[in-house]
C-alpha atoms as a PDB file:
ATOM      1  CA  MET A   1     134.787 175.061  65.553  1.00  0.00           C
ATOM      2  CA  PRO A   2     134.572 173.049  62.339  1.00  0.00           C
ATOM      3  CA  GLN A   3     135.033 175.076  59.190  1.00  0.00           C
ATOM      4  CA  SER A   4     132.397 174.871  56.492  1.00  0.00           C
ATOM      5  CA  THR A   5     134.919 174.149  53.763  1.00  0.00           C
ATOM      6  CA  LYS A   6     135.992 170.994  55.562  1.00  0.00           C
ATOM      7  CA  ASN A   7     132.643 169.664  56.689  1.00  0.00           C
ATOM      8  CA  GLN A   8     131.830 166.884  54.256  1.00  0.00           C
ATOM      9  CA  ASN A   9     129.190 164.341  55.169  1.00  0.00           C
ATOM     10  CA  HIS A  10     129.268 160.690  54.224  1.00  0.00           C
ATOM     11  CA  THR A  11     127.520 161.385  50.909  1.00  0.00           C
ATOM     12  CA  GLY A  12     130.322 163.718  49.861  1.00  0.00           C
ATOM     13  CA  LYS A  13     128.098 166.786  50.024  1.00  0.00           C
ATOM     14  CA  ASN A  14     129.206 169.960  51.732  1.00  0.00           C
ATOM     15  CA  PRO A  15     126.669 170.914  54.454  1.00  0.00           C
ATOM     16  CA  ALA A  16     127.507 174.585  53.872  1.00  0.00           C
ATOM     17  CA  GLN A  17     125.601 174.440  50.593  1.00  0.00           C
ATOM     18  CA  TYR A  18     122.396 174.515  52.642  1.00  0.00           C
ATOM     19  CA  ALA A  19     123.438 177.647  54.531  1.00  0.00           C
ATOM     20  CA  PRO A  20     121.231 180.058  52.511  1.00  0.00           C
ATOM     21  CA  LEU A  21     118.207 177.829  53.179  1.00  0.00           C
ATOM     22  CA  TYR A  22     119.028 177.726  56.913  1.00  0.00           C
ATOM     23  CA  VAL A  23     119.259 181.527  56.937  1.00  0.00           C
ATOM     24  CA  VAL A  24     115.756 181.843  55.482  1.00  0.00           C
ATOM     25  CA  ILE A  25     114.190 179.141  57.693  1.00  0.00           C
ATOM     26  CA  PHE A  26     115.435 180.535  60.986  1.00  0.00           C
ATOM     27  CA  GLY A  27     114.815 184.148  60.001  1.00  0.00           C
ATOM     28  CA  VAL A  28     111.188 183.341  59.177  1.00  0.00           C
ATOM     29  CA  THR A  29     110.534 181.068  62.186  1.00  0.00           C
ATOM     30  CA  PHE A  30     112.002 183.509  64.708  1.00  0.00           C
ATOM     31  CA  GLY A  31     110.330 186.486  63.058  1.00  0.00           C
ATOM     32  CA  THR A  32     107.021 184.626  63.342  1.00  0.00           C
ATOM     33  CA  SER A  33     107.646 183.902  67.022  1.00  0.00           C
ATOM     34  CA  ILE A  34     108.079 187.658  67.649  1.00  0.00           C
ATOM     35  CA  ALA A  35     104.650 188.322  66.145  1.00  0.00           C
ATOM     36  CA  MET A  36     103.224 185.468  68.241  1.00  0.00           C
ATOM     37  CA  ALA A  37     104.688 187.078  71.356  1.00  0.00           C
ATOM     38  CA  LYS A  38     102.776 190.286  70.669  1.00  0.00           C
ATOM     39  CA  LEU A  39      99.591 188.317  70.041  1.00  0.00           C
ATOM     40  CA  GLY A  40     100.160 186.576  73.364  1.00  0.00           C
ATOM     41  CA  ALA A  41     100.632 189.892  75.173  1.00  0.00           C
ATOM     42  CA  ILE A  42      97.326 191.116  73.743  1.00  0.00           C
ATOM     43  CA  GLU A  43      95.740 188.003  75.305  1.00  0.00           C
ATOM     44  CA  GLY A  44      97.468 188.651  78.640  1.00  0.00           C
ATOM     45  CA  LEU A  45     100.474 186.327  78.272  1.00  0.00           C
ATOM     46  CA  SER A  46     103.719 187.626  79.771  1.00  0.00           C
ATOM     47  CA  PRO A  47     106.557 187.648  77.190  1.00  0.00           C
ATOM     48  CA  MET A  48     108.936 186.148  79.772  1.00  0.00           C
ATOM     49  CA  VAL A  49     106.547 183.273  80.487  1.00  0.00           C
ATOM     50  CA  LEU A  50     106.335 182.612  76.761  1.00  0.00           C
ATOM     51  CA  VAL A  51     110.136 182.611  76.433  1.00  0.00           C
ATOM     52  CA  PHE A  52     110.415 180.190  79.378  1.00  0.00           C
ATOM     53  CA  TRP A  53     108.013 177.545  78.036  1.00  0.00           C
ATOM     54  CA  GLN A  54     109.219 178.032  74.478  1.00  0.00           C
ATOM     55  CA  MET A  55     112.846 177.402  75.412  1.00  0.00           C
ATOM     56  CA  LEU A  56     112.254 174.646  77.983  1.00  0.00           C
ATOM     57  CA  CYS A  57     109.953 172.492  75.870  1.00  0.00           C
ATOM     58  CA  ALA A  58     111.812 173.035  72.596  1.00  0.00           C
ATOM     59  CA  GLY A  59     115.074 172.247  74.406  1.00  0.00           C
ATOM     60  CA  ILE A  60     113.645 168.982  75.728  1.00  0.00           C
ATOM     61  CA  LEU A  61     112.361 168.025  72.269  1.00  0.00           C
ATOM     62  CA  LEU A  62     115.772 168.790  70.762  1.00  0.00           C
ATOM     63  CA  GLY A  63     117.443 166.715  73.490  1.00  0.00           C
ATOM     64  CA  ILE A  64     115.184 163.747  72.715  1.00  0.00           C
ATOM     65  CA  THR A  65     115.912 164.160  69.003  1.00  0.00           C
ATOM     66  CA  ALA A  66     119.655 164.294  69.680  1.00  0.00           C
ATOM     67  CA  TRP A  67     119.434 161.177  71.875  1.00  0.00           C
ATOM     68  CA  ILE A  68     117.566 159.254  69.150  1.00  0.00           C
ATOM     69  CA  LYS A  69     120.272 160.243  66.657  1.00  0.00           C
ATOM     70  CA  GLY A  70     122.981 159.021  69.034  1.00  0.00           C
ATOM     71  CA  GLN A  71     124.150 162.526  70.027  1.00  0.00           C
ATOM     72  CA  ARG A  72     123.490 162.499  73.765  1.00  0.00           C
ATOM     73  CA  PRO A  73     123.913 165.973  75.348  1.00  0.00           C
ATOM     74  CA  LYS A  74     126.920 166.067  77.671  1.00  0.00           C
ATOM     75  CA  LEU A  75     126.790 167.378  81.238  1.00  0.00           C
ATOM     76  CA  ILE A  76     130.486 168.013  81.759  1.00  0.00           C
ATOM     77  CA  PRO A  77     131.837 171.446  82.835  1.00  0.00           C
ATOM     78  CA  ARG A  78     133.083 172.325  79.334  1.00  0.00           C
ATOM     79  CA  HIS A  79     129.641 171.846  77.806  1.00  0.00           C
ATOM     80  CA  ILE A  80     127.661 173.268  80.725  1.00  0.00           C
ATOM     81  CA  ARG A  81     129.701 176.474  80.452  1.00  0.00           C
ATOM     82  CA  TYR A  82     128.867 176.649  76.769  1.00  0.00           C
ATOM     83  CA  TYR A  83     125.141 176.102  77.364  1.00  0.00           C
ATOM     84  CA  PHE A  84     124.842 178.915  79.902  1.00  0.00           C
ATOM     85  CA  ILE A  85     127.109 181.531  78.306  1.00  0.00           C
ATOM     86  CA  ALA A  86     125.588 180.943  74.871  1.00  0.00           C
ATOM     87  CA  GLY A  87     122.156 181.017  76.500  1.00  0.00           C
ATOM     88  CA  ILE A  88     122.779 184.366  78.196  1.00  0.00           C
ATOM     89  CA  LEU A  89     124.405 186.190  75.283  1.00  0.00           C
ATOM     90  CA  GLY A  90     122.553 184.812  72.301  1.00  0.00           C
ATOM     91  CA  ASN A  91     119.217 183.731  73.687  1.00  0.00           C
ATOM     92  CA  ALA A  92     117.928 184.663  77.168  1.00  0.00           C
ATOM     93  CA  VAL A  93     118.714 188.384  77.037  1.00  0.00           C
ATOM     94  CA  PRO A  94     118.072 189.216  73.355  1.00  0.00           C
ATOM     95  CA  THR A  95     114.971 187.008  73.010  1.00  0.00           C
ATOM     96  CA  THR A  96     113.369 188.382  76.172  1.00  0.00           C
ATOM     97  CA  LEU A  97     114.175 191.966  75.135  1.00  0.00           C
ATOM     98  CA  THR A  98     112.829 191.256  71.656  1.00  0.00           C
ATOM     99  CA  PHE A  99     109.491 189.895  72.885  1.00  0.00           C
ATOM    100  CA  ILE A 100     109.028 192.760  75.358  1.00  0.00           C
ATOM    101  CA  SER A 101     110.055 195.355  72.751  1.00  0.00           C
ATOM    102  CA  ALA A 102     107.545 193.894  70.284  1.00  0.00           C
ATOM    103  CA  VAL A 103     104.842 194.665  72.833  1.00  0.00           C
ATOM    104  CA  LYS A 104     106.172 198.124  73.722  1.00  0.00           C
ATOM    105  CA  ILE A 105     107.163 199.542  70.317  1.00  0.00           C
ATOM    106  CA  GLY A 106     105.669 197.119  67.776  1.00  0.00           C
ATOM    107  CA  THR A 107     106.874 194.046  65.912  1.00  0.00           C
ATOM    108  CA  GLY A 108     107.968 195.920  62.801  1.00  0.00           C
ATOM    109  CA  LEU A 109     110.203 198.399  64.564  1.00  0.00           C
ATOM    110  CA  THR A 110     111.627 195.701  66.836  1.00  0.00           C
ATOM    111  CA  GLY A 111     112.551 193.628  63.794  1.00  0.00           C
ATOM    112  CA  LEU A 112     114.325 196.594  62.259  1.00  0.00           C
ATOM    113  CA  VAL A 113     117.119 196.496  64.843  1.00  0.00           C
ATOM    114  CA  TYR A 114     118.188 193.035  63.694  1.00  0.00           C
ATOM    115  CA  PRO A 115     120.142 194.069  60.565  1.00  0.00           C
ATOM    116  CA  LEU A 116     122.589 195.818  62.893  1.00  0.00           C
ATOM    117  CA  SER A 117     123.646 192.388  64.173  1.00  0.00           C
ATOM    118  CA  PRO A 118     125.768 191.524  61.080  1.00  0.00           C
ATOM    119  CA  VAL A 119     127.535 194.881  61.357  1.00  0.00           C
ATOM    120  CA  PHE A 120     128.495 194.300  64.993  1.00  0.00           C
ATOM    121  CA  THR A 121     129.331 190.646  64.300  1.00  0.00           C
ATOM    122  CA  TYR A 122     131.674 191.539  61.452  1.00  0.00           C
ATOM    123  CA  ALA A 123     133.337 194.249  63.563  1.00  0.00           C
ATOM    124  CA  PHE A 124     133.861 191.885  66.521  1.00  0.00           C
ATOM    125  CA  ALA A 125     135.073 189.068  64.257  1.00  0.00           C
ATOM    126  CA  ALA A 126     137.593 191.369  62.567  1.00  0.00           C
ATOM    127  CA  LEU A 127     138.865 192.652  65.910  1.00  0.00           C
ATOM    128  CA  LEU A 128     139.353 189.086  67.155  1.00  0.00           C
ATOM    129  CA  GLY A 129     141.051 187.925  63.950  1.00  0.00           C
ATOM    130  CA  MET A 130     138.201 185.575  63.025  1.00  0.00           C
ATOM    131  CA  ASP A 131     137.523 187.394  59.768  1.00  0.00           C
ATOM    132  CA  LYS A 132     139.449 189.699  57.496  1.00  0.00           C
ATOM    133  CA  PHE A 133     138.733 192.706  55.364  1.00  0.00           C
ATOM    134  CA  GLN A 134     136.932 191.737  52.155  1.00  0.00           C
ATOM    135  CA  PRO A 135     135.490 194.536  50.024  1.00  0.00           C
ATOM    136  CA  ARG A 136     132.719 192.310  48.641  1.00  0.00           C
ATOM    137  CA  LYS A 137     131.590 191.268  52.105  1.00  0.00           C
ATOM    138  CA  LEU A 138     131.663 194.840  53.365  1.00  0.00           C
ATOM    139  CA  VAL A 139     129.551 195.964  50.410  1.00  0.00           C
ATOM    140  CA  GLY A 140     127.083 193.147  51.089  1.00  0.00           C
ATOM    141  CA  LEU A 141     126.762 194.039  54.750  1.00  0.00           C
ATOM    142  CA  ALA A 142     126.434 197.718  53.864  1.00  0.00           C
ATOM    143  CA  LEU A 143     123.634 196.937  51.384  1.00  0.00           C
ATOM    144  CA  GLY A 144     121.750 194.961  54.015  1.00  0.00           C
ATOM    145  CA  LEU A 145     122.131 197.743  56.554  1.00  0.00           C
ATOM    146  CA  MET A 146     121.081 200.359  53.998  1.00  0.00           C
ATOM    147  CA  GLY A 147     117.971 198.322  53.260  1.00  0.00           C
ATOM    148  CA  ALA A 148     117.056 198.269  56.948  1.00  0.00           C
ATOM    149  CA  LEU A 149     117.738 202.005  57.302  1.00  0.00           C
ATOM    150  CA  PHE A 150     115.607 202.640  54.224  1.00  0.00           C
ATOM    151  CA  ILE A 151     112.735 200.792  55.904  1.00  0.00           C
ATOM    152  CA  ILE A 152     113.140 202.963  58.999  1.00  0.00           C
ATOM    153  CA  ALA A 153     113.437 206.190  57.030  1.00  0.00           C
ATOM    154  CA  THR A 154     110.308 205.651  54.921  1.00  0.00           C
ATOM    155  CA  PRO A 155     107.722 206.032  57.722  1.00  0.00           C
ATOM    156  CA  LEU A 156     109.703 208.901  59.197  1.00  0.00           C
ATOM    157  CA  ILE A 157     109.511 210.764  55.881  1.00  0.00           C
ATOM    158  CA  VAL A 158     105.892 209.852  55.165  1.00  0.00           C
ATOM    159  CA  ASP A 159     104.326 210.767  58.527  1.00  0.00           C
ATOM    160  CA  GLY A 160     106.886 213.338  59.636  1.00  0.00           C
ATOM    161  CA  GLY A 161     108.090 211.103  62.434  1.00  0.00           C
ATOM    162  CA  GLU A 162     104.978 211.708  64.562  1.00  0.00           C
ATOM    163  CA  ASN A 163     104.408 208.040  65.376  1.00  0.00           C
ATOM    164  CA  PHE A 164     108.110 207.504  65.985  1.00  0.00           C
ATOM    165  CA  ALA A 165     108.214 210.411  68.431  1.00  0.00           C
ATOM    166  CA  GLU A 166     105.382 208.894  70.467  1.00  0.00           C
ATOM    167  CA  LEU A 167     107.277 205.653  71.126  1.00  0.00           C
ATOM    168  CA  PRO A 168     108.789 205.123  74.606  1.00  0.00           C
ATOM    169  CA  VAL A 169     112.361 206.399  74.297  1.00  0.00           C
ATOM    170  CA  ILE A 170     113.722 203.958  76.867  1.00  0.00           C
ATOM    171  CA  TRP A 171     112.374 200.971  74.931  1.00  0.00           C
ATOM    172  CA  LEU A 172     113.833 202.253  71.709  1.00  0.00           C
ATOM    173  CA  GLY A 173     117.218 202.422  73.422  1.00  0.00           C
ATOM    174  CA  ILE A 174     116.818 198.944  74.911  1.00  0.00           C
ATOM    175  CA  ALA A 175     115.762 197.523  71.541  1.00  0.00           C
ATOM    176  CA  PHE A 176     118.980 198.750  69.949  1.00  0.00           C
ATOM    177  CA  THR A 177     121.049 196.748  72.475  1.00  0.00           C
ATOM    178  CA  ILE A 178     119.567 193.527  71.047  1.00  0.00           C
ATOM    179  CA  PRO A 179     121.945 193.304  68.030  1.00  0.00           C
ATOM    180  CA  ILE A 180     124.946 193.828  70.319  1.00  0.00           C
ATOM    181  CA  PHE A 181     123.981 190.804  72.420  1.00  0.00           C
ATOM    182  CA  LEU A 182     123.273 188.810  69.263  1.00  0.00           C
ATOM    183  CA  ALA A 183     126.687 189.668  67.829  1.00  0.00           C
ATOM    184  CA  CYS A 184     128.412 188.635  71.071  1.00  0.00           C
ATOM    185  CA  GLY A 185     126.471 185.366  71.005  1.00  0.00           C
ATOM    186  CA  ASN A 186     127.419 184.732  67.366  1.00  0.00           C
ATOM    187  CA  ILE A 187     131.103 185.201  68.152  1.00  0.00           C
ATOM    188  CA  TYR A 188     131.046 183.168  71.364  1.00  0.00           C
ATOM    189  CA  ARG A 189     129.288 180.135  69.861  1.00  0.00           C
ATOM    190  CA  SER A 190     131.860 179.985  67.072  1.00  0.00           C
ATOM    191  CA  ARG A 191     134.963 180.473  69.231  1.00  0.00           C
ATOM    192  CA  ASP A 192     133.999 178.153  72.077  1.00  0.00           C
ATOM    193  CA  TRP A 193     132.205 175.393  70.148  1.00  0.00           C
ATOM    194  CA  PRO A 194     133.101 172.145  71.996  1.00  0.00           C
ATOM    195  CA  PRO A 195     135.152 169.813  69.781  1.00  0.00           C
ATOM    196  CA  ASP A 196     133.526 166.704  68.328  1.00  0.00           C
ATOM    197  CA  THR A 197     130.056 167.885  69.325  1.00  0.00           C
ATOM    198  CA  GLY A 198     127.020 167.986  67.044  1.00  0.00           C
ATOM    199  CA  SER A 199     124.626 170.878  66.731  1.00  0.00           C
ATOM    200  CA  LEU A 200     121.546 169.161  68.192  1.00  0.00           C
ATOM    201  CA  PRO A 201     122.873 168.552  71.735  1.00  0.00           C
ATOM    202  CA  LEU A 202     124.278 172.083  71.908  1.00  0.00           C
ATOM    203  CA  ALA A 203     120.959 173.560  70.795  1.00  0.00           C
ATOM    204  CA  SER A 204     119.148 171.488  73.417  1.00  0.00           C
ATOM    205  CA  GLY A 205     121.553 172.466  76.177  1.00  0.00           C
ATOM    206  CA  MET A 206     121.408 176.164  75.336  1.00  0.00           C
ATOM    207  CA  LEU A 207     117.597 176.314  75.295  1.00  0.00           C
ATOM    208  CA  ILE A 208     117.218 174.409  78.574  1.00  0.00           C
ATOM    209  CA  ALA A 209     119.902 176.592  80.185  1.00  0.00           C
ATOM    210  CA  THR A 210     118.004 179.676  78.993  1.00  0.00           C
ATOM    211  CA  ALA A 211     114.815 178.417  80.645  1.00  0.00           C
ATOM    212  CA  LEU A 212     116.634 177.635  83.903  1.00  0.00           C
ATOM    213  CA  MET A 213     118.060 181.158  84.021  1.00  0.00           C
ATOM    214  CA  LEU A 214     114.623 182.704  83.478  1.00  0.00           C
ATOM    215  CA  LEU A 215     112.813 180.572  86.071  1.00  0.00           C
ATOM    216  CA  PRO A 216     114.083 182.409  89.220  1.00  0.00           C
ATOM    217  CA  VAL A 217     113.130 185.752  87.681  1.00  0.00           C
ATOM    218  CA  LEU A 218     109.617 184.501  86.917  1.00  0.00           C
ATOM    219  CA  LEU A 219     109.185 183.097  90.431  1.00  0.00           C
ATOM    220  CA  LEU A 220     110.478 186.275  92.113  1.00  0.00           C
ATOM    221  CA  THR A 221     108.214 188.497  90.025  1.00  0.00           C
ATOM    222  CA  GLN A 222     105.262 186.118  90.486  1.00  0.00           C
ATOM    223  CA  ASN A 223     104.745 185.946  86.736  1.00  0.00           C
ATOM    224  CA  PHE A 224     105.111 182.178  86.475  1.00  0.00           C
ATOM    225  CA  ARG A 225     102.154 180.238  85.083  1.00  0.00           C
ATOM    226  CA  PHE A 226     101.481 176.823  83.629  1.00  0.00           C
ATOM    227  CA  PRO A 227      99.630 176.435  80.336  1.00  0.00           C
ATOM    228  CA  ASP A 228      96.088 175.465  81.338  1.00  0.00           C
ATOM    229  CA  LEU A 229      95.713 173.060  78.382  1.00  0.00           C
ATOM    230  CA  SER A 230      92.195 174.333  77.795  1.00  0.00           C
ATOM    231  CA  GLY A 231      92.766 174.991  74.114  1.00  0.00           C
ATOM    232  CA  SER A 232      92.782 178.744  74.660  1.00  0.00           C
ATOM    233  CA  VAL A 233      94.493 181.226  72.358  1.00  0.00           C
ATOM    234  CA  ILE A 234      97.332 181.496  74.883  1.00  0.00           C
ATOM    235  CA  ASP A 235      97.858 177.720  74.786  1.00  0.00           C
ATOM    236  CA  TRP A 236      98.036 177.734  70.990  1.00  0.00           C
ATOM    237  CA  ILE A 237     100.537 180.603  71.048  1.00  0.00           C
ATOM    238  CA  ILE A 238     102.769 178.769  73.546  1.00  0.00           C
ATOM    239  CA  PHE A 239     102.600 175.491  71.603  1.00  0.00           C
ATOM    240  CA  GLY A 240     103.114 177.299  68.318  1.00  0.00           C
ATOM    241  CA  ASN A 241     106.244 179.025  69.573  1.00  0.00           C
ATOM    242  CA  ILE A 242     107.575 175.750  70.980  1.00  0.00           C
ATOM    243  CA  LEU A 243     107.242 174.187  67.527  1.00  0.00           C
ATOM    244  CA  LEU A 244     108.832 177.231  65.863  1.00  0.00           C
ATOM    245  CA  SER A 245     111.779 177.058  68.266  1.00  0.00           C
ATOM    246  CA  PHE A 246     112.207 173.316  67.784  1.00  0.00           C
ATOM    247  CA  ILE A 247     112.398 173.724  63.998  1.00  0.00           C
ATOM    248  CA  GLY A 248     114.277 177.014  64.066  1.00  0.00           C
ATOM    249  CA  PHE A 249     117.052 176.030  66.447  1.00  0.00           C
ATOM    250  CA  ILE A 250     117.830 172.839  64.545  1.00  0.00           C
ATOM    251  CA  VAL A 251     118.892 174.946  61.578  1.00  0.00           C
ATOM    252  CA  TYR A 252     120.218 177.730  63.862  1.00  0.00           C
ATOM    253  CA  PHE A 253     123.010 175.584  65.282  1.00  0.00           C
ATOM    254  CA  GLU A 254     123.613 173.709  62.053  1.00  0.00           C
ATOM    255  CA  LEU A 255     124.132 177.047  60.345  1.00  0.00           C
ATOM    256  CA  GLN A 256     126.491 178.123  63.136  1.00  0.00           C
ATOM    257  CA  ARG A 257     128.425 174.848  62.715  1.00  0.00           C
ATOM    258  CA  THR A 258     128.812 175.056  58.946  1.00  0.00           C
ATOM    259  CA  ALA A 259     129.217 178.806  58.417  1.00  0.00           C
ATOM    260  CA  GLY A 260     131.194 181.589  60.055  1.00  0.00           C
ATOM    261  CA  PRO A 261     129.644 184.025  62.554  1.00  0.00           C
ATOM    262  CA  VAL A 262     129.372 186.869  60.036  1.00  0.00           C
ATOM    263  CA  TYR A 263     127.518 184.752  57.488  1.00  0.00           C
ATOM    264  CA  PHE A 264     125.381 183.341  60.310  1.00  0.00           C
ATOM    265  CA  SER A 265     124.295 186.836  61.289  1.00  0.00           C
ATOM    266  CA  GLN A 266     122.499 187.265  57.946  1.00  0.00           C
ATOM    267  CA  ILE A 267     119.446 185.658  59.594  1.00  0.00           C
ATOM    268  CA  SER A 268     118.796 189.141  60.967  1.00  0.00           C
ATOM    269  CA  TYR A 269     117.683 190.428  57.580  1.00  0.00           C
ATOM    270  CA  PHE A 270     114.994 187.776  57.246  1.00  0.00           C
ATOM    271  CA  ILE A 271     113.792 188.375  60.795  1.00  0.00           C
ATOM    272  CA  THR A 272     113.291 191.996  59.770  1.00  0.00           C
ATOM    273  CA  ILE A 273     111.315 191.075  56.653  1.00  0.00           C
ATOM    274  CA  THR A 274     109.096 188.640  58.580  1.00  0.00           C
ATOM    275  CA  THR A 275     108.330 190.985  61.470  1.00  0.00           C
ATOM    276  CA  MET A 276     107.521 193.835  59.091  1.00  0.00           C
ATOM    277  CA  ALA A 277     105.105 191.587  57.203  1.00  0.00           C
ATOM    278  CA  PHE A 278     103.345 190.412  60.358  1.00  0.00           C
ATOM    279  CA  GLY A 279     103.279 193.957  61.705  1.00  0.00           C
ATOM    280  CA  ALA A 280     101.402 195.044  58.604  1.00  0.00           C
ATOM    281  CA  PHE A 281      98.954 192.132  58.306  1.00  0.00           C
ATOM    282  CA  LEU A 282      98.210 191.422  61.984  1.00  0.00           C
ATOM    283  CA  PHE A 283      98.711 194.728  63.774  1.00  0.00           C
ATOM    284  CA  ASP A 284      97.990 197.329  61.070  1.00  0.00           C
ATOM    285  CA  GLU A 285     101.549 198.644  61.151  1.00  0.00           C
ATOM    286  CA  THR A 286     101.688 200.519  57.862  1.00  0.00           C
ATOM    287  CA  LEU A 287     104.096 199.351  55.174  1.00  0.00           C
ATOM    288  CA  SER A 288     104.966 201.550  52.220  1.00  0.00           C
ATOM    289  CA  PRO A 289     105.233 199.998  48.716  1.00  0.00           C
ATOM    290  CA  SER A 290     108.802 201.315  48.701  1.00  0.00           C
ATOM    291  CA  ILE A 291     109.687 198.550  51.160  1.00  0.00           C
ATOM    292  CA  TRP A 292     110.366 196.343  48.132  1.00  0.00           C
ATOM    293  CA  ILE A 293     113.359 198.528  47.342  1.00  0.00           C
ATOM    294  CA  ALA A 294     114.692 197.807  50.808  1.00  0.00           C
ATOM    295  CA  ILE A 295     114.014 194.078  50.435  1.00  0.00           C
ATOM    296  CA  GLY A 296     115.977 194.149  47.169  1.00  0.00           C
ATOM    297  CA  MET A 297     118.918 195.726  49.003  1.00  0.00           C
ATOM    298  CA  ILE A 298     118.694 193.111  51.752  1.00  0.00           C
ATOM    299  CA  PHE A 299     118.681 190.154  49.367  1.00  0.00           C
ATOM    300  CA  SER A 300     121.503 191.684  47.324  1.00  0.00           C
ATOM    301  CA  GLY A 301     123.553 192.033  50.487  1.00  0.00           C
ATOM    302  CA  LEU A 302     122.938 188.404  51.411  1.00  0.00           C
ATOM    303  CA  TYR A 303     124.030 187.319  47.932  1.00  0.00           C
ATOM    304  CA  LEU A 304     127.313 189.237  48.145  1.00  0.00           C
ATOM    305  CA  VAL A 305     128.122 187.837  51.569  1.00  0.00           C
ATOM    306  CA  SER A 306     127.227 184.261  50.583  1.00  0.00           C
ATOM    307  CA  LYS A 307     128.624 184.344  47.017  1.00  0.00           C
ATOM    308  CA  SER A 308     131.779 182.417  47.899  1.00  0.00           C
ATOM    309  CA  ARG A 309     129.671 179.578  49.314  1.00  0.00           C
END
């Protein structure tokens, strides 16, 4: 995979300088899509159906964009393998679990598992020799994780954990597998990135592969449905999430291309912030004023991890 320190475009600018902006954009767009998934479930839309149309249509739009820019997606075994493995680890499984968990345990709590992704990513990267021990980076990751834990601890202290205790235990356990899949996806996309391949065709291939893997499950469970194009709330949610995925995955893969997997995983912190905000404003999931302390920790952690860039 290309290294960010070597990626210079024709204007002489280093694409890695935009990495912090990419982190914020994808964190916010994906966090918004989680809230949209819960809104869709309230209207009767299956989370898996939403993931299918979101990935298929956004993948097609990304493919068209790549084609226009002269980056035609390749259908050779090397690339097809990448599309499907990246789709399973970093997209199909964690996104589906995220959307279902948002319905079962709430958007805010679902978003809170995401800051564990950088921890697992750093651990896996260190074990595989892709990263090395750096005290500053460890402190940054620890600050981000502490911020997320602070967010979790606040409602437990305030209400005595009564609401937490009422949540389905199995879905809490499933939700905490999401950052493990995300970390595996972060590592895989970096290690197996096809040479001389741009981010747009890979993003397109991964999203379409994700949709193809979900289709048999939808057909077997008889959950498949077409948008009725009647202008209903469900239609707007599907189209909105398609647009969010189209925008989000452009920066998602560009960030993966120009930054290492550990830095890339910082998107998790902004997903947490976004889902907590939507949980409070749309679904009356209570937020304590002390959350700003946690947000300060999260942003401080991102600064320490990204300082060298």
